[in-house]
Amino acid sequence: MTADRELGRSGLHVAPLAFGGNVFGWSADEKASFALLDAFVDAGFNLVDTADVYSAWVPGNQGGESETLLGKWFARSGKRDKVVLATKVAKWAERPGLTPDNINAAVEDSLRRLQTEVIDLYQAHEDDESTPLEATLAAFGRLIEAGKVRAIGASNYSATRLADALKVSTDYGLPRYETLQPEYNLYDRAGYEKELEPLVQREQIGVINYYALASGFLSGKYRTPDDAGKSSARGATVVKRYLNPRGLRILQALDDVASKHNATAAQIALAWQIARPSITAPIVSATSVEQLHDLLAAANVALNVQDVAQLDAASAEG
């Protein structure tokens, strides 16, 4: 797999799928996390996305667990140079917001946990409207100048705020957000496509979208209300949100296209995103090496114009 997709104009190049590190220290323990990372990198992929807050939501965790496991893997495997490392700041209760002081403290914590000297992509995990954009971007700029960060990105920003941030970068000669991390998949389209997509294409911003499989719905795992029991953590929520006439229409189209390519529904759902010009690398997560290899195979599925049109029509809203 070639890392031939540039993250915005950052000079960082990645393969067309990213690994979501939210599972490290949550649904994947240290042994499983190391095996997943080895399998991901050995398959030719390189973008690993985590955050300081992962996985503070797990009983007994404080946050920082994902970064800590990644750091241990870097130290043990010697594969740091094979990874484009992305992490985030702003959402963790221990290090909240995007003030310069918080960014400075958070980056030092992340570098220590990750056992690395530089973070390739440092992202604002969410907007912080209480802090001036100029102050936040200037703080990120000082980290780039110090060699602690290579590029910066934004996650969960509205189109208006992202446009404002880009203007501030231009007006004040500050580094700009090179990437955006929005929710986007075959079901959840409008929030990204209506306002964010035209902006990122115009400004040449890389997109690393999350919930690429709609919490597992687009894998075809949930097809009847009874399937909610397949996941105690999220099954009921997925069924309630996605199992409706439009959702079933999407699953049928995924099945149809998958049969033509000897692929799975999940692989087709990811291939549809990979084929979209504005998308750089959808984020996927897995808890077993077998599951990971199945998802990574999506990068080798070449959809034709008819396939894309069929999926677009089935997932059209309204």
C-alpha atoms as a PDB file:
ATOM      1  CA  MET A   1       0.000   0.000   0.000  1.00  0.00           C
ATOM      2  CA  THR A   2       1.509   3.325  -1.022  1.00  0.00           C
ATOM      3  CA  ALA A   3       1.254   6.387   1.182  1.00  0.00           C
ATOM      4  CA  ASP A   4       0.418   8.713  -1.684  1.00  0.00           C
ATOM      5  CA  ARG A   5      -2.286  10.963  -0.220  1.00  0.00           C
ATOM      6  CA  GLU A   6      -1.132  14.264   1.218  1.00  0.00           C
ATOM      7  CA  LEU A   7      -2.709  15.614   4.390  1.00  0.00           C
ATOM      8  CA  GLY A   8      -3.725  19.017   3.092  1.00  0.00           C
ATOM      9  CA  ARG A   9      -0.568  20.889   2.110  1.00  0.00           C
ATOM     10  CA  SER A  10       1.423  19.573   5.077  1.00  0.00           C
ATOM     11  CA  GLY A  11       3.937  17.462   3.194  1.00  0.00           C
ATOM     12  CA  LEU A  12       2.766  14.448   5.236  1.00  0.00           C
ATOM     13  CA  HIS A  13       1.676  11.545   3.033  1.00  0.00           C
ATOM     14  CA  VAL A  14      -0.581   8.727   4.152  1.00  0.00           C
ATOM     15  CA  ALA A  15      -2.208   5.527   2.903  1.00  0.00           C
ATOM     16  CA  PRO A  16      -5.985   5.733   2.317  1.00  0.00           C
ATOM     17  CA  LEU A  17      -7.139   4.358   5.699  1.00  0.00           C
ATOM     18  CA  ALA A  18      -6.242   5.532   9.212  1.00  0.00           C
ATOM     19  CA  PHE A  19      -6.288   3.451  12.391  1.00  0.00           C
ATOM     20  CA  GLY A  20      -8.401   4.866  15.218  1.00  0.00           C
ATOM     21  CA  GLY A  21      -6.528   4.564  18.503  1.00  0.00           C
ATOM     22  CA  ASN A  22      -9.597   4.955  20.709  1.00  0.00           C
ATOM     23  CA  VAL A  23      -9.599   1.157  21.214  1.00  0.00           C
ATOM     24  CA  PHE A  24      -6.130   1.087  22.829  1.00  0.00           C
ATOM     25  CA  GLY A  25      -6.593   0.653  26.560  1.00  0.00           C
ATOM     26  CA  TRP A  26     -10.325   0.135  26.108  1.00  0.00           C
ATOM     27  CA  SER A  27     -11.500  -2.783  23.972  1.00  0.00           C
ATOM     28  CA  ALA A  28      -7.915  -3.755  23.106  1.00  0.00           C
ATOM     29  CA  ASP A  29      -5.443  -4.454  25.904  1.00  0.00           C
ATOM     30  CA  GLU A  30      -1.690  -4.003  25.545  1.00  0.00           C
ATOM     31  CA  LYS A  31      -1.060  -7.323  23.798  1.00  0.00           C
ATOM     32  CA  ALA A  32      -3.954  -6.842  21.370  1.00  0.00           C
ATOM     33  CA  SER A  33      -2.998  -3.199  20.723  1.00  0.00           C
ATOM     34  CA  PHE A  34       0.572  -4.148  19.822  1.00  0.00           C
ATOM     35  CA  ALA A  35      -0.643  -6.901  17.485  1.00  0.00           C
ATOM     36  CA  LEU A  36      -3.059  -4.511  15.765  1.00  0.00           C
ATOM     37  CA  LEU A  37      -0.408  -1.833  15.294  1.00  0.00           C
ATOM     38  CA  ASP A  38       2.098  -4.336  13.906  1.00  0.00           C
ATOM     39  CA  ALA A  39      -0.504  -5.690  11.478  1.00  0.00           C
ATOM     40  CA  PHE A  40      -1.561  -2.200  10.374  1.00  0.00           C
ATOM     41  CA  VAL A  41       1.968  -0.966   9.666  1.00  0.00           C
ATOM     42  CA  ASP A  42       3.161  -4.268   8.186  1.00  0.00           C
ATOM     43  CA  ALA A  43       0.252  -4.088   5.709  1.00  0.00           C
ATOM     44  CA  GLY A  44       1.662  -0.796   4.407  1.00  0.00           C
ATOM     45  CA  PHE A  45      -0.592   1.682   6.228  1.00  0.00           C
ATOM     46  CA  ASN A  46       0.804   4.496   8.336  1.00  0.00           C
ATOM     47  CA  LEU A  47      -1.672   7.019   9.807  1.00  0.00           C
ATOM     48  CA  VAL A  48      -2.521   6.319  13.467  1.00  0.00           C
ATOM     49  CA  ASP A  49      -4.960   8.711  15.119  1.00  0.00           C
ATOM     50  CA  THR A  50      -5.348   9.033  18.877  1.00  0.00           C
ATOM     51  CA  ALA A  51      -6.091  11.727  21.504  1.00  0.00           C
ATOM     52  CA  ASP A  52      -5.043  12.616  25.030  1.00  0.00           C
ATOM     53  CA  VAL A  53      -8.589  11.905  26.287  1.00  0.00           C
ATOM     54  CA  TYR A  54      -8.598   8.271  25.033  1.00  0.00           C
ATOM     55  CA  SER A  55      -9.856   6.323  26.930  1.00  0.00           C
ATOM     56  CA  ALA A  56     -11.034   8.353  29.926  1.00  0.00           C
ATOM     57  CA  TRP A  57     -14.613   7.062  29.544  1.00  0.00           C
ATOM     58  CA  VAL A  58     -13.660   3.528  30.611  1.00  0.00           C
ATOM     59  CA  PRO A  59     -14.259   2.774  34.312  1.00  0.00           C
ATOM     60  CA  GLY A  60     -10.902   2.797  36.068  1.00  0.00           C
ATOM     61  CA  ASN A  61      -9.165   4.847  33.346  1.00  0.00           C
ATOM     62  CA  GLN A  62      -8.099   8.472  33.667  1.00  0.00           C
ATOM     63  CA  GLY A  63      -7.241   9.331  30.073  1.00  0.00           C
ATOM     64  CA  GLY A  64      -3.888   9.058  28.338  1.00  0.00           C
ATOM     65  CA  GLU A  65      -4.099   5.268  28.126  1.00  0.00           C
ATOM     66  CA  SER A  66      -4.125   5.146  24.328  1.00  0.00           C
ATOM     67  CA  GLU A  67      -1.115   7.430  23.970  1.00  0.00           C
ATOM     68  CA  THR A  68       0.742   5.458  26.661  1.00  0.00           C
ATOM     69  CA  LEU A  69       0.209   2.155  24.860  1.00  0.00           C
ATOM     70  CA  LEU A  70       1.296   3.711  21.572  1.00  0.00           C
ATOM     71  CA  GLY A  71       4.448   4.997  23.244  1.00  0.00           C
ATOM     72  CA  LYS A  72       5.253   1.564  24.621  1.00  0.00           C
ATOM     73  CA  TRP A  73       4.752   0.072  21.166  1.00  0.00           C
ATOM     74  CA  PHE A  74       7.046   2.645  19.570  1.00  0.00           C
ATOM     75  CA  ALA A  75       9.732   1.829  22.142  1.00  0.00           C
ATOM     76  CA  ARG A  76       9.355  -1.937  21.752  1.00  0.00           C
ATOM     77  CA  SER A  77       8.819  -2.180  17.990  1.00  0.00           C
ATOM     78  CA  GLY A  78      11.181   0.505  16.712  1.00  0.00           C
ATOM     79  CA  LYS A  79       8.527   1.445  14.144  1.00  0.00           C
ATOM     80  CA  ARG A  80       8.016   5.110  15.021  1.00  0.00           C
ATOM     81  CA  ASP A  81       9.474   6.117  11.648  1.00  0.00           C
ATOM     82  CA  LYS A  82       6.816   4.057   9.860  1.00  0.00           C
ATOM     83  CA  VAL A  83       3.931   5.986  11.430  1.00  0.00           C
ATOM     84  CA  VAL A  84       2.335   9.355  10.749  1.00  0.00           C
ATOM     85  CA  LEU A  85       1.307  10.059  14.327  1.00  0.00           C
ATOM     86  CA  ALA A  86      -1.809  12.134  14.970  1.00  0.00           C
ATOM     87  CA  THR A  87      -3.145  13.093  18.391  1.00  0.00           C
ATOM     88  CA  LYS A  88      -5.442  15.753  19.824  1.00  0.00           C
ATOM     89  CA  VAL A  89      -5.955  18.298  22.578  1.00  0.00           C
ATOM     90  CA  ALA A  90      -8.985  20.127  24.056  1.00  0.00           C
ATOM     91  CA  LYS A  91     -11.553  17.471  25.091  1.00  0.00           C
ATOM     92  CA  TRP A  92      -9.923  15.905  28.137  1.00  0.00           C
ATOM     93  CA  ALA A  93     -11.176  17.255  31.467  1.00  0.00           C
ATOM     94  CA  GLU A  94      -7.566  17.228  32.723  1.00  0.00           C
ATOM     95  CA  ARG A  95      -6.413  19.443  29.838  1.00  0.00           C
ATOM     96  CA  PRO A  96      -9.517  21.221  28.504  1.00  0.00           C
ATOM     97  CA  GLY A  97      -9.733  23.872  25.812  1.00  0.00           C
ATOM     98  CA  LEU A  98      -7.351  25.591  23.435  1.00  0.00           C
ATOM     99  CA  THR A  99      -5.676  28.302  25.478  1.00  0.00           C
ATOM    100  CA  PRO A 100      -1.937  28.628  24.838  1.00  0.00           C
ATOM    101  CA  ASP A 101      -1.144  27.504  28.393  1.00  0.00           C
ATOM    102  CA  ASN A 102      -3.262  24.387  28.039  1.00  0.00           C
ATOM    103  CA  ILE A 103      -1.835  23.523  24.623  1.00  0.00           C
ATOM    104  CA  ASN A 104       1.710  23.917  25.970  1.00  0.00           C
ATOM    105  CA  ALA A 105       1.015  21.668  28.955  1.00  0.00           C
ATOM    106  CA  ALA A 106      -0.941  19.093  26.961  1.00  0.00           C
ATOM    107  CA  VAL A 107       1.662  18.663  24.233  1.00  0.00           C
ATOM    108  CA  GLU A 108       4.397  17.957  26.788  1.00  0.00           C
ATOM    109  CA  ASP A 109       2.190  15.330  28.426  1.00  0.00           C
ATOM    110  CA  SER A 110       1.396  13.730  25.068  1.00  0.00           C
ATOM    111  CA  LEU A 111       5.042  13.681  23.931  1.00  0.00           C
ATOM    112  CA  ARG A 112       6.028  11.989  27.199  1.00  0.00           C
ATOM    113  CA  ARG A 113       3.304   9.359  26.992  1.00  0.00           C
ATOM    114  CA  LEU A 114       3.989   8.728  23.297  1.00  0.00           C
ATOM    115  CA  GLN A 115       7.757   8.458  23.917  1.00  0.00           C
ATOM    116  CA  THR A 116       8.466  10.582  20.869  1.00  0.00           C
ATOM    117  CA  GLU A 117      10.096  13.920  20.154  1.00  0.00           C
ATOM    118  CA  VAL A 118       7.565  15.090  17.583  1.00  0.00           C
ATOM    119  CA  ILE A 119       3.849  14.754  16.854  1.00  0.00           C
ATOM    120  CA  ASP A 120       3.243  14.669  13.105  1.00  0.00           C
ATOM    121  CA  LEU A 121      -0.328  15.998  13.238  1.00  0.00           C
ATOM    122  CA  TYR A 122      -1.572  17.820  16.348  1.00  0.00           C
ATOM    123  CA  GLN A 123      -5.309  18.446  16.234  1.00  0.00           C
ATOM    124  CA  ALA A 124      -7.743  20.675  18.078  1.00  0.00           C
ATOM    125  CA  HIS A 125     -10.181  17.980  19.220  1.00  0.00           C
ATOM    126  CA  GLU A 126     -13.067  20.424  19.351  1.00  0.00           C
ATOM    127  CA  ASP A 127     -13.603  24.141  18.917  1.00  0.00           C
ATOM    128  CA  ASP A 128     -13.027  26.467  21.872  1.00  0.00           C
ATOM    129  CA  GLU A 129     -14.942  29.649  21.174  1.00  0.00           C
ATOM    130  CA  SER A 130     -13.835  31.171  24.477  1.00  0.00           C
ATOM    131  CA  THR A 131     -10.239  31.396  23.231  1.00  0.00           C
ATOM    132  CA  PRO A 132      -9.371  33.687  20.301  1.00  0.00           C
ATOM    133  CA  LEU A 133      -8.398  31.751  17.190  1.00  0.00           C
ATOM    134  CA  GLU A 134      -5.292  33.879  16.873  1.00  0.00           C
ATOM    135  CA  ALA A 135      -4.083  32.810  20.329  1.00  0.00           C
ATOM    136  CA  THR A 136      -4.674  29.129  19.638  1.00  0.00           C
ATOM    137  CA  LEU A 137      -3.015  29.171  16.217  1.00  0.00           C
ATOM    138  CA  ALA A 138      -0.059  31.180  17.522  1.00  0.00           C
ATOM    139  CA  ALA A 139       0.463  28.598  20.261  1.00  0.00           C
ATOM    140  CA  PHE A 140       0.392  25.802  17.701  1.00  0.00           C
ATOM    141  CA  GLY A 141       2.816  27.830  15.587  1.00  0.00           C
ATOM    142  CA  ARG A 142       5.330  28.007  18.425  1.00  0.00           C
ATOM    143  CA  LEU A 143       5.189  24.222  18.768  1.00  0.00           C
ATOM    144  CA  ILE A 144       5.934  23.856  15.053  1.00  0.00           C
ATOM    145  CA  GLU A 145       8.847  26.295  15.349  1.00  0.00           C
ATOM    146  CA  ALA A 146      10.171  24.313  18.317  1.00  0.00           C
ATOM    147  CA  GLY A 147      10.072  21.096  16.280  1.00  0.00           C
ATOM    148  CA  LYS A 148       7.542  19.427  18.574  1.00  0.00           C
ATOM    149  CA  VAL A 149       4.737  19.364  15.976  1.00  0.00           C
ATOM    150  CA  ARG A 150       4.888  19.066  12.183  1.00  0.00           C
ATOM    151  CA  ALA A 151       1.361  20.126  11.183  1.00  0.00           C
ATOM    152  CA  ILE A 152      -1.948  20.998  12.815  1.00  0.00           C
ATOM    153  CA  GLY A 153      -5.545  20.003  12.195  1.00  0.00           C
ATOM    154  CA  ALA A 154      -9.081  20.605  13.439  1.00  0.00           C
ATOM    155  CA  SER A 155     -11.710  18.141  14.589  1.00  0.00           C
ATOM    156  CA  ASN A 156     -15.446  18.794  14.956  1.00  0.00           C
ATOM    157  CA  TYR A 157     -15.273  22.373  13.627  1.00  0.00           C
ATOM    158  CA  SER A 158     -18.195  23.947  11.810  1.00  0.00           C
ATOM    159  CA  ALA A 159     -17.614  25.286   8.319  1.00  0.00           C
ATOM    160  CA  THR A 160     -17.949  28.847   9.622  1.00  0.00           C
ATOM    161  CA  ARG A 161     -15.369  28.411  12.352  1.00  0.00           C
ATOM    162  CA  LEU A 162     -12.966  26.525  10.116  1.00  0.00           C
ATOM    163  CA  ALA A 163     -13.206  29.302   7.520  1.00  0.00           C
ATOM    164  CA  ASP A 164     -12.612  31.868  10.275  1.00  0.00           C
ATOM    165  CA  ALA A 165      -9.535  29.969  11.456  1.00  0.00           C
ATOM    166  CA  LEU A 166      -8.121  29.790   7.935  1.00  0.00           C
ATOM    167  CA  LYS A 167      -8.617  33.530   7.531  1.00  0.00           C
ATOM    168  CA  VAL A 168      -6.826  34.213  10.821  1.00  0.00           C
ATOM    169  CA  SER A 169      -3.919  32.048   9.664  1.00  0.00           C
ATOM    170  CA  THR A 170      -3.653  34.059   6.451  1.00  0.00           C
ATOM    171  CA  ASP A 171      -4.120  37.481   8.065  1.00  0.00           C
ATOM    172  CA  TYR A 172      -1.582  36.899  10.836  1.00  0.00           C
ATOM    173  CA  GLY A 173       0.907  34.678   9.025  1.00  0.00           C
ATOM    174  CA  LEU A 174       0.193  31.729  11.318  1.00  0.00           C
ATOM    175  CA  PRO A 175       0.156  27.997  10.536  1.00  0.00           C
ATOM    176  CA  ARG A 176      -3.178  26.805   9.193  1.00  0.00           C
ATOM    177  CA  TYR A 177      -5.245  23.757   9.928  1.00  0.00           C
ATOM    178  CA  GLU A 178      -4.166  21.270   7.262  1.00  0.00           C
ATOM    179  CA  THR A 179      -6.766  18.643   8.137  1.00  0.00           C
ATOM    180  CA  LEU A 180     -10.343  18.303   9.304  1.00  0.00           C
ATOM    181  CA  GLN A 181     -11.803  15.393  11.238  1.00  0.00           C
ATOM    182  CA  PRO A 182     -15.601  15.314  10.774  1.00  0.00           C
ATOM    183  CA  GLU A 183     -18.237  12.636  11.183  1.00  0.00           C
ATOM    184  CA  TYR A 184     -18.930  11.181   7.731  1.00  0.00           C
ATOM    185  CA  ASN A 185     -20.195   7.964   6.253  1.00  0.00           C
ATOM    186  CA  LEU A 186     -22.674   6.640   3.705  1.00  0.00           C
ATOM    187  CA  TYR A 187     -25.594   7.337   6.048  1.00  0.00           C
ATOM    188  CA  ASP A 188     -24.413  10.552   7.750  1.00  0.00           C
ATOM    189  CA  ARG A 189     -23.687  12.703   4.705  1.00  0.00           C
ATOM    190  CA  ALA A 190     -25.421  16.066   4.852  1.00  0.00           C
ATOM    191  CA  GLY A 191     -23.497  17.531   7.803  1.00  0.00           C
ATOM    192  CA  TYR A 192     -20.236  17.223   5.901  1.00  0.00           C
ATOM    193  CA  GLU A 193     -21.250  17.518   2.255  1.00  0.00           C
ATOM    194  CA  LYS A 194     -23.369  20.659   2.483  1.00  0.00           C
ATOM    195  CA  GLU A 195     -20.888  23.189   3.877  1.00  0.00           C
ATOM    196  CA  LEU A 196     -17.640  21.519   4.924  1.00  0.00           C
ATOM    197  CA  GLU A 197     -16.863  19.632   1.729  1.00  0.00           C
ATOM    198  CA  PRO A 198     -16.872  22.683  -0.587  1.00  0.00           C
ATOM    199  CA  LEU A 199     -14.624  24.493   1.902  1.00  0.00           C
ATOM    200  CA  VAL A 200     -12.040  21.731   2.310  1.00  0.00           C
ATOM    201  CA  GLN A 201     -11.847  21.180  -1.431  1.00  0.00           C
ATOM    202  CA  ARG A 202     -11.402  24.867  -2.128  1.00  0.00           C
ATOM    203  CA  GLU A 203      -8.732  25.232   0.569  1.00  0.00           C
ATOM    204  CA  GLN A 204      -6.981  21.896  -0.109  1.00  0.00           C
ATOM    205  CA  ILE A 205      -7.530  20.532   3.395  1.00  0.00           C
ATOM    206  CA  GLY A 206      -7.112  16.836   4.117  1.00  0.00           C
ATOM    207  CA  VAL A 207     -10.079  14.996   5.620  1.00  0.00           C
ATOM    208  CA  ILE A 208      -9.763  12.156   8.138  1.00  0.00           C
ATOM    209  CA  ASN A 209     -13.372  11.246   8.850  1.00  0.00           C
ATOM    210  CA  TYR A 210     -14.590   9.265  11.843  1.00  0.00           C
ATOM    211  CA  TYR A 211     -17.595   6.939  12.331  1.00  0.00           C
ATOM    212  CA  ALA A 212     -16.779   5.684   8.835  1.00  0.00           C
ATOM    213  CA  LEU A 213     -18.959   2.607   9.382  1.00  0.00           C
ATOM    214  CA  ALA A 214     -21.715   4.389  11.345  1.00  0.00           C
ATOM    215  CA  SER A 215     -20.876   2.569  14.593  1.00  0.00           C
ATOM    216  CA  GLY A 216     -20.914  -0.763  12.769  1.00  0.00           C
ATOM    217  CA  PHE A 217     -24.255  -0.349  10.992  1.00  0.00           C
ATOM    218  CA  LEU A 218     -22.674  -0.194   7.543  1.00  0.00           C
ATOM    219  CA  SER A 219     -20.997  -3.553   8.121  1.00  0.00           C
ATOM    220  CA  GLY A 220     -24.440  -5.115   7.818  1.00  0.00           C
ATOM    221  CA  LYS A 221     -24.301  -6.359  11.396  1.00  0.00           C
ATOM    222  CA  TYR A 222     -27.628  -4.805  12.340  1.00  0.00           C
ATOM    223  CA  ARG A 223     -30.514  -5.696  10.026  1.00  0.00           C
ATOM    224  CA  THR A 224     -33.438  -6.296  12.421  1.00  0.00           C
ATOM    225  CA  PRO A 225     -34.395  -4.878  15.833  1.00  0.00           C
ATOM    226  CA  ASP A 226     -33.271  -8.181  17.396  1.00  0.00           C
ATOM    227  CA  ASP A 227     -29.725  -7.493  16.183  1.00  0.00           C
ATOM    228  CA  ALA A 228     -29.403  -4.779  18.832  1.00  0.00           C
ATOM    229  CA  GLY A 229     -28.266  -7.547  21.157  1.00  0.00           C
ATOM    230  CA  LYS A 230     -25.121  -8.093  19.070  1.00  0.00           C
ATOM    231  CA  SER A 231     -23.468  -5.219  20.937  1.00  0.00           C
ATOM    232  CA  SER A 232     -24.333  -4.445  24.532  1.00  0.00           C
ATOM    233  CA  ALA A 233     -22.398  -1.185  24.288  1.00  0.00           C
ATOM    234  CA  ARG A 234     -24.056   0.371  21.271  1.00  0.00           C
ATOM    235  CA  GLY A 235     -26.465  -2.047  19.595  1.00  0.00           C
ATOM    236  CA  ALA A 236     -29.669  -0.415  20.804  1.00  0.00           C
ATOM    237  CA  THR A 237     -28.416   3.047  19.835  1.00  0.00           C
ATOM    238  CA  VAL A 238     -27.370   1.913  16.361  1.00  0.00           C
ATOM    239  CA  VAL A 239     -30.687   0.192  15.677  1.00  0.00           C
ATOM    240  CA  LYS A 240     -32.658   3.204  16.856  1.00  0.00           C
ATOM    241  CA  ARG A 241     -30.653   5.652  14.744  1.00  0.00           C
ATOM    242  CA  TYR A 242     -30.052   3.748  11.519  1.00  0.00           C
ATOM    243  CA  LEU A 243     -32.544   0.895  11.148  1.00  0.00           C
ATOM    244  CA  ASN A 244     -35.182   2.615   9.050  1.00  0.00           C
ATOM    245  CA  PRO A 245     -36.242   2.513   5.378  1.00  0.00           C
ATOM    246  CA  ARG A 246     -33.276   4.633   4.261  1.00  0.00           C
ATOM    247  CA  GLY A 247     -30.830   2.572   6.292  1.00  0.00           C
ATOM    248  CA  LEU A 248     -32.185  -0.670   4.854  1.00  0.00           C
ATOM    249  CA  ARG A 249     -31.956   0.816   1.359  1.00  0.00           C
ATOM    250  CA  ILE A 250     -28.283   1.580   1.955  1.00  0.00           C
ATOM    251  CA  LEU A 251     -27.606  -1.950   3.219  1.00  0.00           C
ATOM    252  CA  GLN A 252     -29.259  -3.415   0.120  1.00  0.00           C
ATOM    253  CA  ALA A 253     -27.083  -1.278  -2.163  1.00  0.00           C
ATOM    254  CA  LEU A 254     -23.974  -2.267  -0.194  1.00  0.00           C
ATOM    255  CA  ASP A 255     -24.926  -5.934  -0.572  1.00  0.00           C
ATOM    256  CA  ASP A 256     -25.498  -5.518  -4.315  1.00  0.00           C
ATOM    257  CA  VAL A 257     -22.182  -3.784  -4.956  1.00  0.00           C
ATOM    258  CA  ALA A 258     -20.318  -6.120  -2.593  1.00  0.00           C
ATOM    259  CA  SER A 259     -21.532  -9.161  -4.544  1.00  0.00           C
ATOM    260  CA  LYS A 260     -20.052  -7.708  -7.746  1.00  0.00           C
ATOM    261  CA  HIS A 261     -16.645  -7.212  -6.128  1.00  0.00           C
ATOM    262  CA  ASN A 262     -16.539 -10.335  -3.973  1.00  0.00           C
ATOM    263  CA  ALA A 263     -16.287  -7.981  -1.019  1.00  0.00           C
ATOM    264  CA  THR A 264     -18.064  -7.280   2.265  1.00  0.00           C
ATOM    265  CA  ALA A 265     -20.534  -4.490   2.979  1.00  0.00           C
ATOM    266  CA  ALA A 266     -17.989  -2.812   5.259  1.00  0.00           C
ATOM    267  CA  GLN A 267     -15.326  -2.876   2.540  1.00  0.00           C
ATOM    268  CA  ILE A 268     -17.713  -1.274   0.055  1.00  0.00           C
ATOM    269  CA  ALA A 269     -18.793   1.404   2.547  1.00  0.00           C
ATOM    270  CA  LEU A 270     -15.133   2.325   3.071  1.00  0.00           C
ATOM    271  CA  ALA A 271     -14.243   2.086  -0.621  1.00  0.00           C
ATOM    272  CA  TRP A 272     -17.043   4.575  -1.368  1.00  0.00           C
ATOM    273  CA  GLN A 273     -15.395   7.065   1.000  1.00  0.00           C
ATOM    274  CA  ILE A 274     -11.880   6.411  -0.290  1.00  0.00           C
ATOM    275  CA  ALA A 275     -13.146   7.131  -3.816  1.00  0.00           C
ATOM    276  CA  ARG A 276     -14.603  10.500  -2.812  1.00  0.00           C
ATOM    277  CA  PRO A 277     -12.171  13.233  -3.967  1.00  0.00           C
ATOM    278  CA  SER A 278     -12.423  15.268  -0.753  1.00  0.00           C
ATOM    279  CA  ILE A 279     -11.636  12.354   1.582  1.00  0.00           C
ATOM    280  CA  THR A 280      -8.007  11.592   2.448  1.00  0.00           C
ATOM    281  CA  ALA A 281      -8.262   8.652   4.852  1.00  0.00           C
ATOM    282  CA  PRO A 282     -11.339   7.363   6.701  1.00  0.00           C
ATOM    283  CA  ILE A 283     -10.608   6.197  10.252  1.00  0.00           C
ATOM    284  CA  VAL A 284     -11.241   2.535  11.033  1.00  0.00           C
ATOM    285  CA  SER A 285     -10.979   0.716  14.336  1.00  0.00           C
ATOM    286  CA  ALA A 286     -10.671  -2.980  15.057  1.00  0.00           C
ATOM    287  CA  THR A 287     -10.146  -5.171  18.095  1.00  0.00           C
ATOM    288  CA  SER A 288      -8.721  -8.223  16.319  1.00  0.00           C
ATOM    289  CA  VAL A 289      -6.097  -8.617  13.594  1.00  0.00           C
ATOM    290  CA  GLU A 290      -8.572 -10.620  11.506  1.00  0.00           C
ATOM    291  CA  GLN A 291     -11.132  -7.804  11.673  1.00  0.00           C
ATOM    292  CA  LEU A 292      -8.450  -5.245  10.827  1.00  0.00           C
ATOM    293  CA  HIS A 293      -7.260  -7.116   7.725  1.00  0.00           C
ATOM    294  CA  ASP A 294     -10.865  -7.369   6.559  1.00  0.00           C
ATOM    295  CA  LEU A 295     -11.289  -3.593   6.812  1.00  0.00           C
ATOM    296  CA  LEU A 296      -7.926  -2.767   5.228  1.00  0.00           C
ATOM    297  CA  ALA A 297      -8.886  -4.813   2.171  1.00  0.00           C
ATOM    298  CA  ALA A 298     -11.255  -1.948   1.322  1.00  0.00           C
ATOM    299  CA  ALA A 299      -8.254  -0.021   0.004  1.00  0.00           C
ATOM    300  CA  ASN A 300      -7.964  -2.542  -2.828  1.00  0.00           C
ATOM    301  CA  VAL A 301     -11.606  -2.330  -3.927  1.00  0.00           C
ATOM    302  CA  ALA A 302     -11.961  -0.187  -7.051  1.00  0.00           C
ATOM    303  CA  LEU A 303     -15.541   1.037  -7.426  1.00  0.00           C
ATOM    304  CA  ASN A 304     -16.683   2.092 -10.878  1.00  0.00           C
ATOM    305  CA  VAL A 305     -18.928   5.028 -11.740  1.00  0.00           C
ATOM    306  CA  GLN A 306     -22.044   2.839 -11.676  1.00  0.00           C
ATOM    307  CA  ASP A 307     -21.196   1.478  -8.220  1.00  0.00           C
ATOM    308  CA  VAL A 308     -20.776   4.967  -6.795  1.00  0.00           C
ATOM    309  CA  ALA A 309     -23.984   6.160  -8.446  1.00  0.00           C
ATOM    310  CA  GLN A 310     -25.931   3.229  -6.983  1.00  0.00           C
ATOM    311  CA  LEU A 311     -24.617   3.922  -3.482  1.00  0.00           C
ATOM    312  CA  ASP A 312     -25.234   7.665  -3.842  1.00  0.00           C
ATOM    313  CA  ALA A 313     -28.823   7.073  -4.932  1.00  0.00           C
ATOM    314  CA  ALA A 314     -29.578   4.610  -2.130  1.00  0.00           C
ATOM    315  CA  SER A 315     -28.169   6.959   0.515  1.00  0.00           C
ATOM    316  CA  ALA A 316     -29.743  10.162  -0.813  1.00  0.00           C
ATOM    317  CA  GLU A 317     -31.638  11.956   1.946  1.00  0.00           C
ATOM    318  CA  GLY A 318     -35.194  13.145   1.699  1.00  0.00           C
END
